[in-house]
PDB file of all heavy atoms in Angstrom:
ATOM      1  N   ARG A   1      92.838  69.089 125.815  1.00  0.00           N
ATOM      2  CA  ARG A   1      92.332  70.420 125.165  1.00  0.00           C
ATOM      3  C   ARG A   1      91.217  70.988 125.982  1.00  0.00           C
ATOM      4  O   ARG A   1      90.228  70.212 126.153  1.00  0.00           O
ATOM      5  CB  ARG A   1      92.031  70.208 123.758  1.00  0.00           C
ATOM      6  CG  ARG A   1      93.093  69.875 122.809  1.00  0.00           C
ATOM      7  CD  ARG A   1      94.014  71.223 122.553  1.00  0.00           C
ATOM      8  NE  ARG A   1      95.066  71.056 121.596  1.00  0.00           N
ATOM      9  CZ  ARG A   1      96.329  70.737 122.001  1.00  0.00           C
ATOM     10  NH1 ARG A   1      96.587  70.619 123.315  1.00  0.00           N
ATOM     11  NH2 ARG A   1      97.319  70.539 121.142  1.00  0.00           N
ATOM     12  N   HIS A   2      91.354  72.152 126.360  1.00  0.00           N
ATOM     13  CA  HIS A   2      90.327  72.711 127.365  1.00  0.00           C
ATOM     14  C   HIS A   2      90.265  74.220 127.208  1.00  0.00           C
ATOM     15  O   HIS A   2      91.317  74.834 127.179  1.00  0.00           O
ATOM     16  CB  HIS A   2      90.590  72.239 128.742  1.00  0.00           C
ATOM     17  CG  HIS A   2      89.725  72.931 129.769  1.00  0.00           C
ATOM     18  ND1 HIS A   2      90.077  74.072 130.444  1.00  0.00           N
ATOM     19  CD2 HIS A   2      88.548  72.612 130.144  1.00  0.00           C
ATOM     20  CE1 HIS A   2      89.137  74.440 131.268  1.00  0.00           C
ATOM     21  NE2 HIS A   2      88.102  73.478 131.113  1.00  0.00           N
ATOM     22  N   ILE A   3      89.120  74.873 127.181  1.00  0.00           N
ATOM     23  CA  ILE A   3      88.970  76.293 127.266  1.00  0.00           C
ATOM     24  C   ILE A   3      87.758  76.523 128.279  1.00  0.00           C
ATOM     25  O   ILE A   3      86.897  75.741 128.377  1.00  0.00           O
ATOM     26  CB  ILE A   3      88.794  76.984 125.949  1.00  0.00           C
ATOM     27  CG1 ILE A   3      87.369  76.641 125.343  1.00  0.00           C
ATOM     28  CG2 ILE A   3      89.885  76.705 124.991  1.00  0.00           C
ATOM     29  CD1 ILE A   3      86.966  77.445 124.221  1.00  0.00           C
ATOM     30  N   THR A   4      87.828  77.737 128.900  1.00  0.00           N
ATOM     31  CA  THR A   4      86.756  78.202 129.687  1.00  0.00           C
ATOM     32  C   THR A   4      86.373  79.638 129.370  1.00  0.00           C
ATOM     33  O   THR A   4      87.267  80.490 129.274  1.00  0.00           O
ATOM     34  CB  THR A   4      87.097  78.238 131.230  1.00  0.00           C
ATOM     35  OG1 THR A   4      87.481  76.778 131.551  1.00  0.00           O
ATOM     36  CG2 THR A   4      85.939  78.653 132.008  1.00  0.00           C
ATOM     37  N   GLU A   5      85.068  79.834 128.992  1.00  0.00           N
ATOM     38  CA  GLU A   5      84.655  81.116 128.552  1.00  0.00           C
ATOM     39  C   GLU A   5      83.354  81.504 129.333  1.00  0.00           C
ATOM     40  O   GLU A   5      82.628  80.668 129.803  1.00  0.00           O
ATOM     41  CB  GLU A   5      84.298  81.218 127.057  1.00  0.00           C
ATOM     42  CG  GLU A   5      85.515  80.944 126.217  1.00  0.00           C
ATOM     43  CD  GLU A   5      86.449  82.081 125.925  1.00  0.00           C
ATOM     44  OE1 GLU A   5      85.954  83.224 126.191  1.00  0.00           O
ATOM     45  OE2 GLU A   5      87.631  82.014 125.612  1.00  0.00           O
ATOM     46  N   THR A   6      83.175  82.861 129.534  1.00  0.00           N
ATOM     47  CA  THR A   6      82.010  83.338 130.157  1.00  0.00           C
ATOM     48  C   THR A   6      81.280  84.138 128.958  1.00  0.00           C
ATOM     49  O   THR A   6      81.879  85.173 128.410  1.00  0.00           O
ATOM     50  CB  THR A   6      82.179  84.191 131.348  1.00  0.00           C
ATOM     51  OG1 THR A   6      82.851  83.500 132.364  1.00  0.00           O
ATOM     52  CG2 THR A   6      80.802  84.700 131.889  1.00  0.00           C
ATOM     53  N   VAL A   7      80.106  83.725 128.597  1.00  0.00           N
ATOM     54  CA  VAL A   7      79.410  84.290 127.414  1.00  0.00           C
ATOM     55  C   VAL A   7      77.958  84.666 127.880  1.00  0.00           C
ATOM     56  O   VAL A   7      77.498  84.174 128.864  1.00  0.00           O
ATOM     57  CB  VAL A   7      79.404  83.337 126.266  1.00  0.00           C
ATOM     58  CG1 VAL A   7      80.778  83.000 125.853  1.00  0.00           C
ATOM     59  CG2 VAL A   7      78.605  82.061 126.537  1.00  0.00           C
ATOM     60  N   ASP A   8      77.402  85.524 127.067  1.00  0.00           N
ATOM     61  CA  ASP A   8      76.009  85.944 127.259  1.00  0.00           C
ATOM     62  C   ASP A   8      75.109  84.882 126.837  1.00  0.00           C
ATOM     63  O   ASP A   8      75.348  84.110 125.760  1.00  0.00           O
ATOM     64  CB  ASP A   8      75.744  87.222 126.471  1.00  0.00           C
ATOM     65  CG  ASP A   8      76.478  88.437 126.976  1.00  0.00           C
ATOM     66  OD1 ASP A   8      76.858  88.409 128.035  1.00  0.00           O
ATOM     67  OD2 ASP A   8      76.738  89.345 126.110  1.00  0.00           O
ATOM     68  N   GLY A   9      73.942  84.679 127.568  1.00  0.00           N
ATOM     69  CA  GLY A   9      72.965  83.736 127.187  1.00  0.00           C
ATOM     70  C   GLY A   9      72.718  82.665 128.322  1.00  0.00           C
ATOM     71  O   GLY A   9      73.554  82.439 129.179  1.00  0.00           O
ATOM     72  N   ALA A  10      71.614  82.066 128.267  1.00  0.00           N
ATOM     73  CA  ALA A  10      71.222  81.011 129.278  1.00  0.00           C
ATOM     74  C   ALA A  10      71.747  79.709 128.839  1.00  0.00           C
ATOM     75  O   ALA A  10      72.073  79.451 127.739  1.00  0.00           O
ATOM     76  CB  ALA A  10      69.706  80.955 129.403  1.00  0.00           C
ATOM     77  N   PRO A  11      72.020  78.791 129.829  1.00  0.00           N
ATOM     78  CA  PRO A  11      72.600  77.518 129.476  1.00  0.00           C
ATOM     79  C   PRO A  11      71.783  76.747 128.419  1.00  0.00           C
ATOM     80  O   PRO A  11      72.268  76.159 127.508  1.00  0.00           O
ATOM     81  CB  PRO A  11      72.615  76.802 130.821  1.00  0.00           C
ATOM     82  CG  PRO A  11      72.840  77.859 131.774  1.00  0.00           C
ATOM     83  CD  PRO A  11      72.010  79.024 131.263  1.00  0.00           C
ATOM     84  N   ALA A  12      70.424  76.704 128.603  1.00  0.00           N
ATOM     85  CA  ALA A  12      69.553  75.983 127.702  1.00  0.00           C
ATOM     86  C   ALA A  12      69.671  76.530 126.245  1.00  0.00           C
ATOM     87  O   ALA A  12      69.793  75.759 125.314  1.00  0.00           O
ATOM     88  CB  ALA A  12      68.173  75.969 128.124  1.00  0.00           C
ATOM     89  N   GLU A  13      69.669  77.834 126.188  1.00  0.00           N
ATOM     90  CA  GLU A  13      69.766  78.445 124.942  1.00  0.00           C
ATOM     91  C   GLU A  13      71.176  78.230 124.198  1.00  0.00           C
ATOM     92  O   GLU A  13      71.241  77.821 122.970  1.00  0.00           O
ATOM     93  CB  GLU A  13      69.593  80.051 125.024  1.00  0.00           C
ATOM     94  CG  GLU A  13      69.884  80.763 123.811  1.00  0.00           C
ATOM     95  CD  GLU A  13      70.012  82.323 124.029  1.00  0.00           C
ATOM     96  OE1 GLU A  13      69.603  82.700 125.152  1.00  0.00           O
ATOM     97  OE2 GLU A  13      70.442  83.012 123.140  1.00  0.00           O
ATOM     98  N   LEU A  14      72.174  78.265 125.005  1.00  0.00           N
ATOM     99  CA  LEU A  14      73.558  77.931 124.405  1.00  0.00           C
ATOM    100  C   LEU A  14      73.625  76.426 124.120  1.00  0.00           C
ATOM    101  O   LEU A  14      74.369  76.079 123.139  1.00  0.00           O
ATOM    102  CB  LEU A  14      74.592  78.276 125.452  1.00  0.00           C
ATOM    103  CG  LEU A  14      74.782  79.732 125.639  1.00  0.00           C
ATOM    104  CD1 LEU A  14      75.826  80.120 126.805  1.00  0.00           C
ATOM    105  CD2 LEU A  14      75.202  80.549 124.387  1.00  0.00           C
ATOM    106  N   ALA A  15      73.011  75.550 124.832  1.00  0.00           N
ATOM    107  CA  ALA A  15      73.036  74.154 124.549  1.00  0.00           C
ATOM    108  C   ALA A  15      72.426  73.839 123.233  1.00  0.00           C
ATOM    109  O   ALA A  15      72.964  72.958 122.461  1.00  0.00           O
ATOM    110  CB  ALA A  15      72.345  73.329 125.622  1.00  0.00           C
ATOM    111  N   GLU A  16      71.363  74.539 122.898  1.00  0.00           N
ATOM    112  CA  GLU A  16      70.694  74.321 121.619  1.00  0.00           C
ATOM    113  C   GLU A  16      71.599  74.822 120.485  1.00  0.00           C
ATOM    114  O   GLU A  16      71.796  74.201 119.424  1.00  0.00           O
ATOM    115  CB  GLU A  16      69.331  75.060 121.552  1.00  0.00           C
ATOM    116  CG  GLU A  16      68.315  74.518 122.450  1.00  0.00           C
ATOM    117  CD  GLU A  16      66.962  75.220 122.351  1.00  0.00           C
ATOM    118  OE1 GLU A  16      66.850  76.107 121.402  1.00  0.00           O
ATOM    119  OE2 GLU A  16      66.095  74.905 123.135  1.00  0.00           O
ATOM    120  N   ARG A  17      72.279  75.922 120.682  1.00  0.00           N
ATOM    121  CA  ARG A  17      73.144  76.522 119.668  1.00  0.00           C
ATOM    122  C   ARG A  17      74.472  75.567 119.442  1.00  0.00           C
ATOM    123  O   ARG A  17      74.756  75.207 118.297  1.00  0.00           O
ATOM    124  CB  ARG A  17      73.642  77.871 120.153  1.00  0.00           C
ATOM    125  CG  ARG A  17      74.510  78.543 119.057  1.00  0.00           C
ATOM    126  CD  ARG A  17      74.995  79.869 119.629  1.00  0.00           C
ATOM    127  NE  ARG A  17      73.974  80.721 120.007  1.00  0.00           N
ATOM    128  CZ  ARG A  17      74.038  81.867 120.688  1.00  0.00           C
ATOM    129  NH1 ARG A  17      75.300  82.221 121.168  1.00  0.00           N
ATOM    130  NH2 ARG A  17      73.028  82.560 121.044  1.00  0.00           N
ATOM    131  N   VAL A  18      74.999  75.020 120.601  1.00  0.00           N
ATOM    132  CA  VAL A  18      76.066  74.120 120.385  1.00  0.00           C
ATOM    133  C   VAL A  18      75.647  72.801 119.711  1.00  0.00           C
ATOM    134  O   VAL A  18      76.434  72.313 118.771  1.00  0.00           O
ATOM    135  CB  VAL A  18      76.687  73.754 121.800  1.00  0.00           C
ATOM    136  CG1 VAL A  18      77.654  72.564 121.743  1.00  0.00           C
ATOM    137  CG2 VAL A  18      77.428  75.027 122.402  1.00  0.00           C
ATOM    138  N   THR A  19      74.441  72.329 120.024  1.00  0.00           N
ATOM    139  CA  THR A  19      74.000  71.128 119.458  1.00  0.00           C
ATOM    140  C   THR A  19      73.798  71.265 117.923  1.00  0.00           C
ATOM    141  O   THR A  19      74.049  70.384 117.127  1.00  0.00           O
ATOM    142  CB  THR A  19      72.719  70.576 120.082  1.00  0.00           C
ATOM    143  OG1 THR A  19      72.936  70.362 121.480  1.00  0.00           O
ATOM    144  CG2 THR A  19      72.221  69.266 119.612  1.00  0.00           C
ATOM    145  N   ALA A  20      73.266  72.396 117.560  1.00  0.00           N
ATOM    146  CA  ALA A  20      73.048  72.623 116.094  1.00  0.00           C
ATOM    147  C   ALA A  20      74.341  72.843 115.366  1.00  0.00           C
ATOM    148  O   ALA A  20      74.471  72.440 114.234  1.00  0.00           O
ATOM    149  CB  ALA A  20      72.235  73.982 115.984  1.00  0.00           C
ATOM    150  N   ASN A  21      75.359  73.343 116.043  1.00  0.00           N
ATOM    151  CA  ASN A  21      76.683  73.486 115.378  1.00  0.00           C
ATOM    152  C   ASN A  21      77.518  72.198 115.307  1.00  0.00           C
ATOM    153  O   ASN A  21      78.510  72.091 114.580  1.00  0.00           O
ATOM    154  CB  ASN A  21      77.570  74.514 116.126  1.00  0.00           C
ATOM    155  CG  ASN A  21      76.973  75.864 116.011  1.00  0.00           C
ATOM    156  OD1 ASN A  21      76.328  76.148 114.976  1.00  0.00           O
ATOM    157  ND2 ASN A  21      77.310  76.808 116.912  1.00  0.00           N
ATOM    158  N   LEU A  22      77.026  71.137 116.064  1.00  0.00           N
ATOM    159  CA  LEU A  22      77.652  69.861 116.028  1.00  0.00           C
ATOM    160  C   LEU A  22      77.085  68.952 115.014  1.00  0.00           C
ATOM    161  O   LEU A  22      76.791  67.796 115.267  1.00  0.00           O
ATOM    162  CB  LEU A  22      77.727  69.194 117.447  1.00  0.00           C
ATOM    163  CG  LEU A  22      78.648  69.847 118.457  1.00  0.00           C
ATOM    164  CD1 LEU A  22      78.410  69.255 119.843  1.00  0.00           C
ATOM    165  CD2 LEU A  22      80.173  69.551 118.043  1.00  0.00           C
ATOM    166  N   ARG A  23      76.862  69.355 113.836  1.00  0.00           N
ATOM    167  CA  ARG A  23      76.235  68.613 112.832  1.00  0.00           C
ATOM    168  C   ARG A  23      77.202  67.482 112.377  1.00  0.00           C
ATOM    169  O   ARG A  23      78.417  67.776 112.174  1.00  0.00           O
ATOM    170  CB  ARG A  23      75.839  69.466 111.627  1.00  0.00           C
ATOM    171  CG  ARG A  23      74.725  70.465 111.924  1.00  0.00           C
ATOM    172  CD  ARG A  23      74.313  71.191 110.633  1.00  0.00           C
ATOM    173  NE  ARG A  23      75.362  71.974 110.051  1.00  0.00           N
ATOM    174  CZ  ARG A  23      75.630  73.231 110.394  1.00  0.00           C
ATOM    175  NH1 ARG A  23      74.893  73.825 111.349  1.00  0.00           N
ATOM    176  NH2 ARG A  23      76.594  73.870 109.755  1.00  0.00           N
ATOM    177  N   GLY A  24      76.730  66.287 112.280  1.00  0.00           N
ATOM    178  CA  GLY A  24      77.540  65.144 111.886  1.00  0.00           C
ATOM    179  C   GLY A  24      78.156  64.434 113.034  1.00  0.00           C
ATOM    180  O   GLY A  24      78.869  63.437 112.896  1.00  0.00           O
ATOM    181  N   TRP A  25      77.834  64.937 114.269  1.00  0.00           N
ATOM    182  CA  TRP A  25      78.433  64.223 115.444  1.00  0.00           C
ATOM    183  C   TRP A  25      77.263  63.541 116.170  1.00  0.00           C
ATOM    184  O   TRP A  25      76.066  63.977 116.098  1.00  0.00           O
ATOM    185  CB  TRP A  25      78.959  65.260 116.474  1.00  0.00           C
ATOM    186  CG  TRP A  25      80.211  65.920 115.977  1.00  0.00           C
ATOM    187  CD1 TRP A  25      80.409  66.737 114.889  1.00  0.00           C
ATOM    188  CD2 TRP A  25      81.516  65.839 116.649  1.00  0.00           C
ATOM    189  NE1 TRP A  25      81.678  67.148 114.766  1.00  0.00           N
ATOM    190  CE2 TRP A  25      82.431  66.607 115.782  1.00  0.00           C
ATOM    191  CE3 TRP A  25      82.033  65.197 117.768  1.00  0.00           C
ATOM    192  CZ2 TRP A  25      83.779  66.722 116.162  1.00  0.00           C
ATOM    193  CZ3 TRP A  25      83.381  65.312 118.081  1.00  0.00           C
ATOM    194  CH2 TRP A  25      84.272  66.044 117.331  1.00  0.00           C
ATOM    195  N   ARG A  26      77.536  62.427 116.763  1.00  0.00           N
ATOM    196  CA  ARG A  26      76.573  61.861 117.792  1.00  0.00           C
ATOM    197  C   ARG A  26      76.641  62.573 118.995  1.00  0.00           C
ATOM    198  O   ARG A  26      77.676  62.615 119.566  1.00  0.00           O
ATOM    199  CB  ARG A  26      76.932  60.312 117.993  1.00  0.00           C
ATOM    200  CG  ARG A  26      76.781  59.524 116.658  1.00  0.00           C
ATOM    201  CD  ARG A  26      77.050  58.046 116.949  1.00  0.00           C
ATOM    202  NE  ARG A  26      76.099  57.451 117.777  1.00  0.00           N
ATOM    203  CZ  ARG A  26      76.339  56.857 118.971  1.00  0.00           C
ATOM    204  NH1 ARG A  26      77.666  56.866 119.447  1.00  0.00           N
ATOM    205  NH2 ARG A  26      75.386  56.370 119.795  1.00  0.00           N
ATOM    206  N   ARG A  27      75.505  63.098 119.395  1.00  0.00           N
ATOM    207  CA  ARG A  27      75.428  64.053 120.575  1.00  0.00           C
ATOM    208  C   ARG A  27      74.291  63.841 121.359  1.00  0.00           C
ATOM    209  O   ARG A  27      73.230  63.317 120.927  1.00  0.00           O
ATOM    210  CB  ARG A  27      75.495  65.512 120.059  1.00  0.00           C
ATOM    211  CG  ARG A  27      74.411  65.860 119.063  1.00  0.00           C
ATOM    212  CD  ARG A  27      74.652  67.064 118.244  1.00  0.00           C
ATOM    213  NE  ARG A  27      73.504  67.468 117.371  1.00  0.00           N
ATOM    214  CZ  ARG A  27      73.319  66.956 116.189  1.00  0.00           C
ATOM    215  NH1 ARG A  27      74.116  65.987 115.699  1.00  0.00           N
ATOM    216  NH2 ARG A  27      72.179  67.409 115.539  1.00  0.00           N
TER     217      ARG A  27
END
C-alpha cells in the first residue's frame, strides 16, 4: 500500500500533524 502526494506545508510542520493523528500507535 503506497500513495504519493504533494501538499502545502513544511516537512517539520506536517510531521507534527501526522504524529498527532497517529494516536494509539508507537511512533
